[in-house]
Amino acid sequence: MPAVTRNVHGTGTAWYLATRPDPDTLAALLGRIRDEAGVRPALATPADGIEAVRRSGTDADYLFLIDHSGAGAEIPAHGMELLTGKSVHGSVAVPAGGVAVVRETRRTQSPGAGQYRQEVPGTGE
């Protein structure tokens, strides 16, 4: 009996995982599913301990950054950091244990589904 099944119906695909694989196997499977679905990570280069989610509004994208490491980080971004009201040109500082929310100028190419989530490396989240 297979531990993973995949069913294509119409324009959608359903996956069923009937086991709890080791982290490397799960990461490989989720990477395949993500790639087949055309989902891109919120950040081009993941930052350790930083959770990144990008949401699309009608006139701008919003990048939500949460530091789970307690170390903080500089993350590439352009726009307006909404919690401080400061303009962001190049990167935004995510404070240790804190958050940053950047209203980004609409990109010329629409990201598609309107939301991306990126795992927090090293935390299992």
PDB file of N, CA and C in Angstrom:
ATOM      1  N   MET A   1       0.853  -1.177   0.000  1.00  0.00           N
ATOM      2  CA  MET A   1       0.000   0.000   0.000  1.00  0.00           C
ATOM      3  C   MET A   1       0.901   1.244   0.000  1.00  0.00           C
ATOM      4  N   PRO A   2       0.662   2.185  -0.940  1.00  0.00           N
ATOM      5  CA  PRO A   2       1.519   3.375  -1.005  1.00  0.00           C
ATOM      6  C   PRO A   2       1.288   4.312   0.180  1.00  0.00           C
ATOM      7  N   ALA A   3       2.360   4.985   0.576  1.00  0.00           N
ATOM      8  CA  ALA A   3       2.281   5.946   1.675  1.00  0.00           C
ATOM      9  C   ALA A   3       1.925   7.343   1.173  1.00  0.00           C
ATOM     10  N   VAL A   4       2.131   7.592  -0.129  1.00  0.00           N
ATOM     11  CA  VAL A   4       1.818   8.884  -0.738  1.00  0.00           C
ATOM     12  C   VAL A   4       1.019   8.620  -2.002  1.00  0.00           C
ATOM     13  N   THR A   5      -0.111   9.308  -2.117  1.00  0.00           N
ATOM     14  CA  THR A   5      -0.887   9.203  -3.346  1.00  0.00           C
ATOM     15  C   THR A   5      -1.125  10.591  -3.907  1.00  0.00           C
ATOM     16  N   ARG A   6      -1.332  10.634  -5.217  1.00  0.00           N
ATOM     17  CA  ARG A   6      -1.556  11.903  -5.919  1.00  0.00           C
ATOM     18  C   ARG A   6      -2.693  11.666  -6.894  1.00  0.00           C
ATOM     19  N   ASN A   7      -3.669  12.576  -6.892  1.00  0.00           N
ATOM     20  CA  ASN A   7      -4.809  12.449  -7.793  1.00  0.00           C
ATOM     21  C   ASN A   7      -5.033  13.782  -8.500  1.00  0.00           C
ATOM     22  N   VAL A   8      -5.035  13.727  -9.816  1.00  0.00           N
ATOM     23  CA  VAL A   8      -5.312  14.917 -10.623  1.00  0.00           C
ATOM     24  C   VAL A   8      -6.779  14.869 -11.023  1.00  0.00           C
ATOM     25  N   HIS A   9      -7.477  15.986 -10.784  1.00  0.00           N
ATOM     26  CA  HIS A   9      -8.890  16.073 -11.153  1.00  0.00           C
ATOM     27  C   HIS A   9      -9.134  17.462 -11.736  1.00  0.00           C
ATOM     28  N   GLY A  10      -9.541  17.508 -12.971  1.00  0.00           N
ATOM     29  CA  GLY A  10      -9.755  18.806 -13.618  1.00  0.00           C
ATOM     30  C   GLY A  10      -8.448  19.581 -13.649  1.00  0.00           C
ATOM     31  N   THR A  11      -8.461  20.791 -13.103  1.00  0.00           N
ATOM     32  CA  THR A  11      -7.246  21.609 -13.086  1.00  0.00           C
ATOM     33  C   THR A  11      -6.508  21.523 -11.752  1.00  0.00           C
ATOM     34  N   GLY A  12      -6.995  20.681 -10.841  1.00  0.00           N
ATOM     35  CA  GLY A  12      -6.373  20.582  -9.523  1.00  0.00           C
ATOM     36  C   GLY A  12      -5.685  19.254  -9.285  1.00  0.00           C
ATOM     37  N   THR A  13      -4.882  19.235  -8.241  1.00  0.00           N
ATOM     38  CA  THR A  13      -4.171  18.031  -7.836  1.00  0.00           C
ATOM     39  C   THR A  13      -4.279  17.894  -6.332  1.00  0.00           C
ATOM     40  N   ALA A  14      -4.591  16.693  -5.876  1.00  0.00           N
ATOM     41  CA  ALA A  14      -4.662  16.410  -4.442  1.00  0.00           C
ATOM     42  C   ALA A  14      -3.576  15.405  -4.089  1.00  0.00           C
ATOM     43  N   TRP A  15      -2.912  15.639  -2.975  1.00  0.00           N
ATOM     44  CA  TRP A  15      -1.897  14.735  -2.455  1.00  0.00           C
ATOM     45  C   TRP A  15      -2.381  14.211  -1.113  1.00  0.00           C
ATOM     46  N   TYR A  16      -2.085  12.956  -0.826  1.00  0.00           N
ATOM     47  CA  TYR A  16      -2.406  12.375   0.476  1.00  0.00           C
ATOM     48  C   TYR A  16      -1.159  11.671   0.991  1.00  0.00           C
ATOM     49  N   LEU A  17      -0.742  12.038   2.169  1.00  0.00           N
ATOM     50  CA  LEU A  17       0.437  11.477   2.804  1.00  0.00           C
ATOM     51  C   LEU A  17      -0.030  10.652   3.998  1.00  0.00           C
ATOM     52  N   ALA A  18       0.134   9.337   3.921  1.00  0.00           N
ATOM     53  CA  ALA A  18      -0.368   8.435   4.952  1.00  0.00           C
ATOM     54  C   ALA A  18       0.750   7.941   5.864  1.00  0.00           C
ATOM     55  N   THR A  19       1.757   8.753   6.045  1.00  0.00           N
ATOM     56  CA  THR A  19       2.888   8.391   6.886  1.00  0.00           C
ATOM     57  C   THR A  19       3.540   9.663   7.397  1.00  0.00           C
ATOM     58  N   ARG A  20       4.464   9.514   8.299  1.00  0.00           N
ATOM     59  CA  ARG A  20       5.210  10.664   8.813  1.00  0.00           C
ATOM     60  C   ARG A  20       6.689  10.448   8.468  1.00  0.00           C
ATOM     61  N   PRO A  21       7.108  10.946   7.303  1.00  0.00           N
ATOM     62  CA  PRO A  21       8.486  10.701   6.866  1.00  0.00           C
ATOM     63  C   PRO A  21       9.502  11.519   7.669  1.00  0.00           C
ATOM     64  N   ASP A  22      10.758  11.152   7.513  1.00  0.00           N
ATOM     65  CA  ASP A  22      11.829  11.920   8.160  1.00  0.00           C
ATOM     66  C   ASP A  22      11.868  13.317   7.537  1.00  0.00           C
ATOM     67  N   PRO A  23      12.482  14.280   8.224  1.00  0.00           N
ATOM     68  CA  PRO A  23      12.471  15.670   7.735  1.00  0.00           C
ATOM     69  C   PRO A  23      13.007  15.864   6.320  1.00  0.00           C
ATOM     70  N   ASP A  24      14.066  15.144   5.945  1.00  0.00           N
ATOM     71  CA  ASP A  24      14.621  15.312   4.594  1.00  0.00           C
ATOM     72  C   ASP A  24      13.660  14.823   3.520  1.00  0.00           C
ATOM     73  N   THR A  25      13.019  13.678   3.775  1.00  0.00           N
ATOM     74  CA  THR A  25      12.051  13.136   2.818  1.00  0.00           C
ATOM     75  C   THR A  25      10.842  14.058   2.705  1.00  0.00           C
ATOM     76  N   LEU A  26      10.357  14.551   3.840  1.00  0.00           N
ATOM     77  CA  LEU A  26       9.211  15.467   3.824  1.00  0.00           C
ATOM     78  C   LEU A  26       9.562  16.748   3.071  1.00  0.00           C
ATOM     79  N   ALA A  27      10.754  17.288   3.313  1.00  0.00           N
ATOM     80  CA  ALA A  27      11.176  18.511   2.620  1.00  0.00           C
ATOM     81  C   ALA A  27      11.240  18.285   1.113  1.00  0.00           C
ATOM     82  N   ALA A  28      11.755  17.130   0.690  1.00  0.00           N
ATOM     83  CA  ALA A  28      11.832  16.825  -0.741  1.00  0.00           C
ATOM     84  C   ALA A  28      10.440  16.708  -1.347  1.00  0.00           C
ATOM     85  N   LEU A  29       9.526  16.033  -0.651  1.00  0.00           N
ATOM     86  CA  LEU A  29       8.158  15.877  -1.158  1.00  0.00           C
ATOM     87  C   LEU A  29       7.456  17.231  -1.236  1.00  0.00           C
ATOM     88  N   LEU A  30       7.560  18.032  -0.173  1.00  0.00           N
ATOM     89  CA  LEU A  30       6.912  19.350  -0.188  1.00  0.00           C
ATOM     90  C   LEU A  30       7.522  20.257  -1.253  1.00  0.00           C
ATOM     91  N   GLY A  31       8.831  20.120  -1.490  1.00  0.00           N
ATOM     92  CA  GLY A  31       9.470  20.884  -2.561  1.00  0.00           C
ATOM     93  C   GLY A  31       8.905  20.510  -3.918  1.00  0.00           C
ATOM     94  N   ARG A  32       8.698  19.225  -4.139  1.00  0.00           N
ATOM     95  CA  ARG A  32       8.105  18.769  -5.404  1.00  0.00           C
ATOM     96  C   ARG A  32       6.682  19.307  -5.558  1.00  0.00           C
ATOM     97  N   ILE A  33       5.890  19.194  -4.499  1.00  0.00           N
ATOM     98  CA  ILE A  33       4.502  19.678  -4.547  1.00  0.00           C
ATOM     99  C   ILE A  33       4.480  21.180  -4.811  1.00  0.00           C
ATOM    100  N   ARG A  34       5.325  21.912  -4.106  1.00  0.00           N
ATOM    101  CA  ARG A  34       5.399  23.372  -4.284  1.00  0.00           C
ATOM    102  C   ARG A  34       5.779  23.719  -5.713  1.00  0.00           C
ATOM    103  N   ASP A  35       6.805  23.041  -6.244  1.00  0.00           N
ATOM    104  CA  ASP A  35       7.252  23.323  -7.604  1.00  0.00           C
ATOM    105  C   ASP A  35       6.168  23.015  -8.633  1.00  0.00           C
ATOM    106  N   GLU A  36       5.493  21.874  -8.473  1.00  0.00           N
ATOM    107  CA  GLU A  36       4.432  21.501  -9.413  1.00  0.00           C
ATOM    108  C   GLU A  36       3.263  22.488  -9.354  1.00  0.00           C
ATOM    109  N   ALA A  37       3.029  23.072  -8.178  1.00  0.00           N
ATOM    110  CA  ALA A  37       1.932  24.036  -8.024  1.00  0.00           C
ATOM    111  C   ALA A  37       2.328  25.438  -8.481  1.00  0.00           C
ATOM    112  N   GLY A  38       3.615  25.649  -8.735  1.00  0.00           N
ATOM    113  CA  GLY A  38       4.078  26.958  -9.179  1.00  0.00           C
ATOM    114  C   GLY A  38       4.189  27.979  -8.057  1.00  0.00           C
ATOM    115  N   VAL A  39       4.300  27.520  -6.833  1.00  0.00           N
ATOM    116  CA  VAL A  39       4.414  28.416  -5.677  1.00  0.00           C
ATOM    117  C   VAL A  39       5.875  28.783  -5.483  1.00  0.00           C
ATOM    118  N   ARG A  40       6.115  30.059  -5.254  1.00  0.00           N
ATOM    119  CA  ARG A  40       7.473  30.543  -5.006  1.00  0.00           C
ATOM    120  C   ARG A  40       7.598  30.957  -3.547  1.00  0.00           C
ATOM    121  N   PRO A  41       8.800  30.845  -2.978  1.00  0.00           N
ATOM    122  CA  PRO A  41       8.983  31.299  -1.594  1.00  0.00           C
ATOM    123  C   PRO A  41       8.850  32.817  -1.498  1.00  0.00           C
ATOM    124  N   ALA A  42       8.522  33.294  -0.315  1.00  0.00           N
ATOM    125  CA  ALA A  42       8.354  34.736  -0.101  1.00  0.00           C
ATOM    126  C   ALA A  42       9.671  35.485  -0.241  1.00  0.00           C
ATOM    127  N   LEU A  43      10.780  34.840   0.094  1.00  0.00           N
ATOM    128  CA  LEU A  43      12.099  35.443  -0.024  1.00  0.00           C
ATOM    129  C   LEU A  43      12.944  34.618  -0.984  1.00  0.00           C
ATOM    130  N   ALA A  44      13.717  35.293  -1.820  1.00  0.00           N
ATOM    131  CA  ALA A  44      14.582  34.577  -2.759  1.00  0.00           C
ATOM    132  C   ALA A  44      15.618  33.742  -2.021  1.00  0.00           C
ATOM    133  N   THR A  45      16.143  34.274  -0.927  1.00  0.00           N
ATOM    134  CA  THR A  45      17.118  33.565  -0.100  1.00  0.00           C
ATOM    135  C   THR A  45      16.569  33.497   1.321  1.00  0.00           C
ATOM    136  N   PRO A  46      16.270  32.288   1.824  1.00  0.00           N
ATOM    137  CA  PRO A  46      15.738  32.181   3.181  1.00  0.00           C
ATOM    138  C   PRO A  46      16.729  32.698   4.218  1.00  0.00           C
ATOM    139  N   ALA A  47      16.221  33.277   5.267  1.00  0.00           N
ATOM    140  CA  ALA A  47      17.053  33.746   6.373  1.00  0.00           C
ATOM    141  C   ALA A  47      16.748  32.872   7.585  1.00  0.00           C
ATOM    142  N   ASP A  48      17.786  32.358   8.234  1.00  0.00           N
ATOM    143  CA  ASP A  48      17.588  31.488   9.389  1.00  0.00           C
ATOM    144  C   ASP A  48      16.745  32.172  10.455  1.00  0.00           C
ATOM    145  N   GLY A  49      15.706  31.472  10.891  1.00  0.00           N
ATOM    146  CA  GLY A  49      14.873  31.961  11.979  1.00  0.00           C
ATOM    147  C   GLY A  49      13.863  33.021  11.596  1.00  0.00           C
ATOM    148  N   ILE A  50      13.770  33.376  10.319  1.00  0.00           N
ATOM    149  CA  ILE A  50      12.829  34.400   9.874  1.00  0.00           C
ATOM    150  C   ILE A  50      11.675  33.744   9.125  1.00  0.00           C
ATOM    151  N   GLU A  51      10.464  33.973   9.602  1.00  0.00           N
ATOM    152  CA  GLU A  51       9.263  33.534   8.892  1.00  0.00           C
ATOM    153  C   GLU A  51       8.847  34.669   7.973  1.00  0.00           C
ATOM    154  N   ALA A  52       8.611  34.357   6.718  1.00  0.00           N
ATOM    155  CA  ALA A  52       8.247  35.379   5.733  1.00  0.00           C
ATOM    156  C   ALA A  52       6.967  34.980   5.021  1.00  0.00           C
ATOM    157  N   VAL A  53       6.021  35.915   4.968  1.00  0.00           N
ATOM    158  CA  VAL A  53       4.761  35.702   4.261  1.00  0.00           C
ATOM    159  C   VAL A  53       4.514  36.937   3.412  1.00  0.00           C
ATOM    160  N   ARG A  54       4.182  36.726   2.152  1.00  0.00           N
ATOM    161  CA  ARG A  54       3.854  37.848   1.267  1.00  0.00           C
ATOM    162  C   ARG A  54       2.393  37.716   0.861  1.00  0.00           C
ATOM    163  N   ARG A  55       1.637  38.786   1.042  1.00  0.00           N
ATOM    164  CA  ARG A  55       0.231  38.834   0.644  1.00  0.00           C
ATOM    165  C   ARG A  55       0.072  39.937  -0.393  1.00  0.00           C
ATOM    166  N   SER A  56      -0.854  39.728  -1.311  1.00  0.00           N
ATOM    167  CA  SER A  56      -1.098  40.709  -2.359  1.00  0.00           C
ATOM    168  C   SER A  56      -2.420  41.409  -2.126  1.00  0.00           C
ATOM    169  N   GLY A  57      -2.361  42.735  -2.107  1.00  0.00           N
ATOM    170  CA  GLY A  57      -3.567  43.548  -2.031  1.00  0.00           C
ATOM    171  C   GLY A  57      -3.915  44.064  -3.408  1.00  0.00           C
ATOM    172  N   THR A  58      -4.884  44.951  -3.487  1.00  0.00           N
ATOM    173  CA  THR A  58      -5.309  45.457  -4.788  1.00  0.00           C
ATOM    174  C   THR A  58      -4.281  46.377  -5.435  1.00  0.00           C
ATOM    175  N   ASP A  59      -3.480  47.087  -4.614  1.00  0.00           N
ATOM    176  CA  ASP A  59      -2.514  48.022  -5.192  1.00  0.00           C
ATOM    177  C   ASP A  59      -1.093  47.831  -4.696  1.00  0.00           C
ATOM    178  N   ALA A  60      -0.862  46.873  -3.820  1.00  0.00           N
ATOM    179  CA  ALA A  60       0.491  46.656  -3.298  1.00  0.00           C
ATOM    180  C   ALA A  60       0.612  45.245  -2.743  1.00  0.00           C
ATOM    181  N   ASP A  61       1.864  44.831  -2.550  1.00  0.00           N
ATOM    182  CA  ASP A  61       2.148  43.578  -1.865  1.00  0.00           C
ATOM    183  C   ASP A  61       2.583  43.924  -0.450  1.00  0.00           C
ATOM    184  N   TYR A  62       2.355  42.998   0.467  1.00  0.00           N
ATOM    185  CA  TYR A  62       2.710  43.197   1.871  1.00  0.00           C
ATOM    186  C   TYR A  62       3.587  42.047   2.318  1.00  0.00           C
ATOM    187  N   LEU A  63       4.782  42.377   2.799  1.00  0.00           N
ATOM    188  CA  LEU A  63       5.738  41.383   3.255  1.00  0.00           C
ATOM    189  C   LEU A  63       5.752  41.405   4.780  1.00  0.00           C
ATOM    190  N   PHE A  64       5.339  40.277   5.382  1.00  0.00           N
ATOM    191  CA  PHE A  64       5.307  40.123   6.829  1.00  0.00           C
ATOM    192  C   PHE A  64       6.516  39.297   7.241  1.00  0.00           C
ATOM    193  N   LEU A  65       7.311  39.799   8.172  1.00  0.00           N
ATOM    194  CA  LEU A  65       8.536  39.135   8.611  1.00  0.00           C
ATOM    195  C   LEU A  65       8.509  38.978  10.127  1.00  0.00           C
ATOM    196  N   ILE A  66       8.747  37.760  10.604  1.00  0.00           N
ATOM    197  CA  ILE A  66       8.739  37.481  12.033  1.00  0.00           C
ATOM    198  C   ILE A  66      10.046  36.784  12.395  1.00  0.00           C
ATOM    199  N   ASP A  67      10.754  37.320  13.410  1.00  0.00           N
ATOM    200  CA  ASP A  67      11.998  36.706  13.857  1.00  0.00           C
ATOM    201  C   ASP A  67      11.709  35.704  14.965  1.00  0.00           C
ATOM    202  N   HIS A  68      11.960  34.416  14.687  1.00  0.00           N
ATOM    203  CA  HIS A  68      11.779  33.356  15.678  1.00  0.00           C
ATOM    204  C   HIS A  68      13.101  32.995  16.351  1.00  0.00           C
ATOM    205  N   SER A  69      14.216  33.528  15.865  1.00  0.00           N
ATOM    206  CA  SER A  69      15.533  33.141  16.380  1.00  0.00           C
ATOM    207  C   SER A  69      15.971  33.973  17.575  1.00  0.00           C
ATOM    208  N   GLY A  70      15.423  35.169  17.700  1.00  0.00           N
ATOM    209  CA  GLY A  70      15.869  36.070  18.753  1.00  0.00           C
ATOM    210  C   GLY A  70      17.122  36.841  18.373  1.00  0.00           C
ATOM    211  N   ALA A  71      17.578  36.680  17.121  1.00  0.00           N
ATOM    212  CA  ALA A  71      18.802  37.350  16.679  1.00  0.00           C
ATOM    213  C   ALA A  71      18.531  38.548  15.779  1.00  0.00           C
ATOM    214  N   GLY A  72      17.341  38.632  15.193  1.00  0.00           N
ATOM    215  CA  GLY A  72      17.052  39.694  14.245  1.00  0.00           C
ATOM    216  C   GLY A  72      17.750  39.440  12.919  1.00  0.00           C
ATOM    217  N   ALA A  73      17.420  40.249  11.917  1.00  0.00           N
ATOM    218  CA  ALA A  73      18.028  40.065  10.595  1.00  0.00           C
ATOM    219  C   ALA A  73      17.742  41.260   9.706  1.00  0.00           C
ATOM    220  N   GLU A  74      18.565  41.419   8.683  1.00  0.00           N
ATOM    221  CA  GLU A  74      18.339  42.384   7.610  1.00  0.00           C
ATOM    222  C   GLU A  74      17.799  41.595   6.423  1.00  0.00           C
ATOM    223  N   ILE A  75      16.627  41.965   5.930  1.00  0.00           N
ATOM    224  CA  ILE A  75      15.977  41.239   4.850  1.00  0.00           C
ATOM    225  C   ILE A  75      15.797  42.180   3.661  1.00  0.00           C
ATOM    226  N   PRO A  76      16.152  41.728   2.457  1.00  0.00           N
ATOM    227  CA  PRO A  76      15.972  42.575   1.274  1.00  0.00           C
ATOM    228  C   PRO A  76      14.502  42.978   1.097  1.00  0.00           C
ATOM    229  N   ALA A  77      14.275  44.271   0.915  1.00  0.00           N
ATOM    230  CA  ALA A  77      12.911  44.786   0.731  1.00  0.00           C
ATOM    231  C   ALA A  77      12.973  46.218   0.211  1.00  0.00           C
ATOM    232  N   HIS A  78      11.856  46.636  -0.399  1.00  0.00           N
ATOM    233  CA  HIS A  78      11.701  48.013  -0.868  1.00  0.00           C
ATOM    234  C   HIS A  78      10.266  48.418  -0.619  1.00  0.00           C
ATOM    235  N   GLY A  79      10.059  49.605  -0.085  1.00  0.00           N
ATOM    236  CA  GLY A  79       8.711  50.098   0.148  1.00  0.00           C
ATOM    237  C   GLY A  79       8.623  50.897   1.425  1.00  0.00           C
ATOM    238  N   MET A  80       7.555  50.674   2.196  1.00  0.00           N
ATOM    239  CA  MET A  80       7.317  51.394   3.445  1.00  0.00           C
ATOM    240  C   MET A  80       7.126  50.386   4.565  1.00  0.00           C
ATOM    241  N   GLU A  81       7.946  50.500   5.623  1.00  0.00           N
ATOM    242  CA  GLU A  81       7.771  49.640   6.790  1.00  0.00           C
ATOM    243  C   GLU A  81       6.622  50.231   7.590  1.00  0.00           C
ATOM    244  N   LEU A  82       5.533  49.481   7.706  1.00  0.00           N
ATOM    245  CA  LEU A  82       4.294  50.039   8.244  1.00  0.00           C
ATOM    246  C   LEU A  82       4.287  50.227   9.757  1.00  0.00           C
ATOM    247  N   LEU A  83       5.092  49.495  10.502  1.00  0.00           N
ATOM    248  CA  LEU A  83       5.099  49.643  11.961  1.00  0.00           C
ATOM    249  C   LEU A  83       5.890  50.863  12.413  1.00  0.00           C
ATOM    250  N   THR A  84       6.905  51.250  11.613  1.00  0.00           N
ATOM    251  CA  THR A  84       7.715  52.418  11.965  1.00  0.00           C
ATOM    252  C   THR A  84       7.408  53.632  11.097  1.00  0.00           C
ATOM    253  N   GLY A  85       6.799  53.389   9.918  1.00  0.00           N
ATOM    254  CA  GLY A  85       6.527  54.471   8.984  1.00  0.00           C
ATOM    255  C   GLY A  85       7.739  54.894   8.179  1.00  0.00           C
ATOM    256  N   LYS A  86       8.834  54.132   8.255  1.00  0.00           N
ATOM    257  CA  LYS A  86      10.070  54.485   7.550  1.00  0.00           C
ATOM    258  C   LYS A  86      10.091  53.879   6.151  1.00  0.00           C
ATOM    259  N   SER A  87      10.681  54.642   5.209  1.00  0.00           N
ATOM    260  CA  SER A  87      10.896  54.124   3.861  1.00  0.00           C
ATOM    261  C   SER A  87      11.976  53.053   3.900  1.00  0.00           C
ATOM    262  N   VAL A  88      11.803  52.034   3.068  1.00  0.00           N
ATOM    263  CA  VAL A  88      12.758  50.932   2.985  1.00  0.00           C
ATOM    264  C   VAL A  88      13.356  50.925   1.589  1.00  0.00           C
ATOM    265  N   HIS A  89      14.671  51.062   1.519  1.00  0.00           N
ATOM    266  CA  HIS A  89      15.387  51.073   0.236  1.00  0.00           C
ATOM    267  C   HIS A  89      16.517  50.061   0.312  1.00  0.00           C
ATOM    268  N   GLY A  90      16.264  48.833  -0.088  1.00  0.00           N
ATOM    269  CA  GLY A  90      17.320  47.819  -0.099  1.00  0.00           C
ATOM    270  C   GLY A  90      17.109  46.712   0.916  1.00  0.00           C
ATOM    271  N   SER A  91      16.903  47.084   2.181  1.00  0.00           N
ATOM    272  CA  SER A  91      16.653  46.060   3.192  1.00  0.00           C
ATOM    273  C   SER A  91      15.923  46.668   4.392  1.00  0.00           C
ATOM    274  N   VAL A  92      15.258  45.788   5.130  1.00  0.00           N
ATOM    275  CA  VAL A  92      14.540  46.193   6.331  1.00  0.00           C
ATOM    276  C   VAL A  92      15.121  45.413   7.503  1.00  0.00           C
ATOM    277  N   ALA A  93      15.240  46.078   8.640  1.00  0.00           N
ATOM    278  CA  ALA A  93      15.728  45.422   9.853  1.00  0.00           C
ATOM    279  C   ALA A  93      14.549  44.782  10.576  1.00  0.00           C
ATOM    280  N   VAL A  94      14.646  43.473  10.800  1.00  0.00           N
ATOM    281  CA  VAL A  94      13.660  42.765  11.624  1.00  0.00           C
ATOM    282  C   VAL A  94      14.289  42.670  13.001  1.00  0.00           C
ATOM    283  N   PRO A  95      13.706  43.314  14.003  1.00  0.00           N
ATOM    284  CA  PRO A  95      14.336  43.309  15.322  1.00  0.00           C
ATOM    285  C   PRO A  95      14.347  41.916  15.958  1.00  0.00           C
ATOM    286  N   ALA A  96      15.289  41.689  16.851  1.00  0.00           N
ATOM    287  CA  ALA A  96      15.394  40.413  17.559  1.00  0.00           C
ATOM    288  C   ALA A  96      14.079  40.098  18.251  1.00  0.00           C
ATOM    289  N   GLY A  97      13.490  38.953  17.902  1.00  0.00           N
ATOM    290  CA  GLY A  97      12.216  38.549  18.489  1.00  0.00           C
ATOM    291  C   GLY A  97      11.037  39.388  18.033  1.00  0.00           C
ATOM    292  N   GLY A  98      11.239  40.226  17.032  1.00  0.00           N
ATOM    293  CA  GLY A  98      10.207  41.155  16.600  1.00  0.00           C
ATOM    294  C   GLY A  98       9.673  40.872  15.214  1.00  0.00           C
ATOM    295  N   VAL A  99       8.951  41.856  14.705  1.00  0.00           N
ATOM    296  CA  VAL A  99       8.316  41.739  13.402  1.00  0.00           C
ATOM    297  C   VAL A  99       8.556  42.997  12.575  1.00  0.00           C
ATOM    298  N   ALA A 100       8.395  42.851  11.270  1.00  0.00           N
ATOM    299  CA  ALA A 100       8.392  43.985  10.348  1.00  0.00           C
ATOM    300  C   ALA A 100       7.333  43.694   9.296  1.00  0.00           C
ATOM    301  N   VAL A 101       6.650  44.752   8.865  1.00  0.00           N
ATOM    302  CA  VAL A 101       5.644  44.628   7.815  1.00  0.00           C
ATOM    303  C   VAL A 101       5.956  45.693   6.774  1.00  0.00           C
ATOM    304  N   VAL A 102       6.243  45.248   5.556  1.00  0.00           N
ATOM    305  CA  VAL A 102       6.634  46.178   4.494  1.00  0.00           C
ATOM    306  C   VAL A 102       5.557  46.201   3.417  1.00  0.00           C
ATOM    307  N   ARG A 103       5.050  47.411   3.150  1.00  0.00           N
ATOM    308  CA  ARG A 103       4.137  47.602   2.012  1.00  0.00           C
ATOM    309  C   ARG A 103       5.025  47.837   0.812  1.00  0.00           C
ATOM    310  N   GLU A 104       5.012  46.867  -0.108  1.00  0.00           N
ATOM    311  CA  GLU A 104       5.880  46.929  -1.277  1.00  0.00           C
ATOM    312  C   GLU A 104       5.118  47.489  -2.469  1.00  0.00           C
ATOM    313  N   THR A 105       5.830  48.203  -3.318  1.00  0.00           N
ATOM    314  CA  THR A 105       5.242  48.676  -4.565  1.00  0.00           C
ATOM    315  C   THR A 105       4.867  47.463  -5.401  1.00  0.00           C
ATOM    316  N   ARG A 106       3.728  47.534  -6.044  1.00  0.00           N
ATOM    317  CA  ARG A 106       3.246  46.423  -6.881  1.00  0.00           C
ATOM    318  C   ARG A 106       4.307  46.057  -7.894  1.00  0.00           C
ATOM    319  N   ARG A 107       4.609  44.788  -7.965  1.00  0.00           N
ATOM    320  CA  ARG A 107       5.550  44.284  -8.955  1.00  0.00           C
ATOM    321  C   ARG A 107       4.860  44.232 -10.307  1.00  0.00           C
ATOM    322  N   THR A 108       5.654  44.325 -11.372  1.00  0.00           N
ATOM    323  CA  THR A 108       5.067  44.332 -12.709  1.00  0.00           C
ATOM    324  C   THR A 108       4.423  43.000 -13.050  1.00  0.00           C
ATOM    325  N   GLN A 109       4.967  41.907 -12.527  1.00  0.00           N
ATOM    326  CA  GLN A 109       4.398  40.599 -12.802  1.00  0.00           C
ATOM    327  C   GLN A 109       3.668  40.129 -11.553  1.00  0.00           C
ATOM    328  N   SER A 110       2.378  39.896 -11.672  1.00  0.00           N
ATOM    329  CA  SER A 110       1.568  39.468 -10.541  1.00  0.00           C
ATOM    330  C   SER A 110       2.056  38.138 -10.006  1.00  0.00           C
ATOM    331  N   PRO A 111       2.152  37.984  -8.662  1.00  0.00           N
ATOM    332  CA  PRO A 111       2.646  36.738  -8.097  1.00  0.00           C
ATOM    333  C   PRO A 111       1.675  35.578  -8.210  1.00  0.00           C
ATOM    334  N   GLY A 112       0.479  35.773  -8.695  1.00  0.00           N
ATOM    335  CA  GLY A 112      -0.441  34.648  -8.892  1.00  0.00           C
ATOM    336  C   GLY A 112      -1.453  34.523  -7.779  1.00  0.00           C
ATOM    337  N   ALA A 113      -1.300  33.524  -6.941  1.00  0.00           N
ATOM    338  CA  ALA A 113      -2.307  33.220  -5.929  1.00  0.00           C
ATOM    339  C   ALA A 113      -2.440  34.310  -4.877  1.00  0.00           C
ATOM    340  N   GLY A 114      -1.433  35.159  -4.725  1.00  0.00           N
ATOM    341  CA  GLY A 114      -1.557  36.270  -3.802  1.00  0.00           C
ATOM    342  C   GLY A 114      -0.991  36.014  -2.426  1.00  0.00           C
ATOM    343  N   GLN A 115      -0.503  34.840  -2.158  1.00  0.00           N
ATOM    344  CA  GLN A 115       0.122  34.629  -0.864  1.00  0.00           C
ATOM    345  C   GLN A 115       1.189  33.554  -0.947  1.00  0.00           C
ATOM    346  N   TYR A 116       2.233  33.780  -0.201  1.00  0.00           N
ATOM    347  CA  TYR A 116       3.352  32.857  -0.154  1.00  0.00           C
ATOM    348  C   TYR A 116       3.711  32.691   1.304  1.00  0.00           C
ATOM    349  N   ARG A 117       4.152  31.530   1.648  1.00  0.00           N
ATOM    350  CA  ARG A 117       4.608  31.291   3.009  1.00  0.00           C
ATOM    351  C   ARG A 117       5.961  30.608   2.915  1.00  0.00           C
ATOM    352  N   GLN A 118       6.826  30.986   3.781  1.00  0.00           N
ATOM    353  CA  GLN A 118       8.143  30.386   3.781  1.00  0.00           C
ATOM    354  C   GLN A 118       8.388  29.763   5.152  1.00  0.00           C
ATOM    355  N   GLU A 119       8.860  28.526   5.158  1.00  0.00           N
ATOM    356  CA  GLU A 119       9.179  27.853   6.405  1.00  0.00           C
ATOM    357  C   GLU A 119      10.280  28.603   7.126  1.00  0.00           C
ATOM    358  N   VAL A 120      10.315  28.446   8.432  1.00  0.00           N
ATOM    359  CA  VAL A 120      11.365  29.035   9.228  1.00  0.00           C
ATOM    360  C   VAL A 120      12.478  27.998   9.356  1.00  0.00           C
ATOM    361  N   PRO A 121      13.595  28.196   8.650  1.00  0.00           N
ATOM    362  CA  PRO A 121      14.666  27.201   8.697  1.00  0.00           C
ATOM    363  C   PRO A 121      15.126  26.939  10.127  1.00  0.00           C
ATOM    364  N   GLY A 122      15.266  25.673  10.445  1.00  0.00           N
ATOM    365  CA  GLY A 122      15.782  25.288  11.755  1.00  0.00           C
ATOM    366  C   GLY A 122      14.763  25.255  12.867  1.00  0.00           C
ATOM    367  N   THR A 123      13.483  25.559  12.587  1.00  0.00           N
ATOM    368  CA  THR A 123      12.490  25.563  13.664  1.00  0.00           C
ATOM    369  C   THR A 123      11.394  24.548  13.456  1.00  0.00           C
ATOM    370  N   GLY A 124      11.271  23.992  12.255  1.00  0.00           N
ATOM    371  CA  GLY A 124      10.199  23.040  11.969  1.00  0.00           C
ATOM    372  C   GLY A 124       8.855  23.699  11.793  1.00  0.00           C
ATOM    373  N   GLU A 125       8.819  25.028  11.710  1.00  0.00           N
ATOM    374  CA  GLU A 125       7.530  25.735  11.541  1.00  0.00           C
ATOM    375  C   GLU A 125       7.285  26.019  10.085  1.00  0.00           C
TER     376      GLU A 125
END
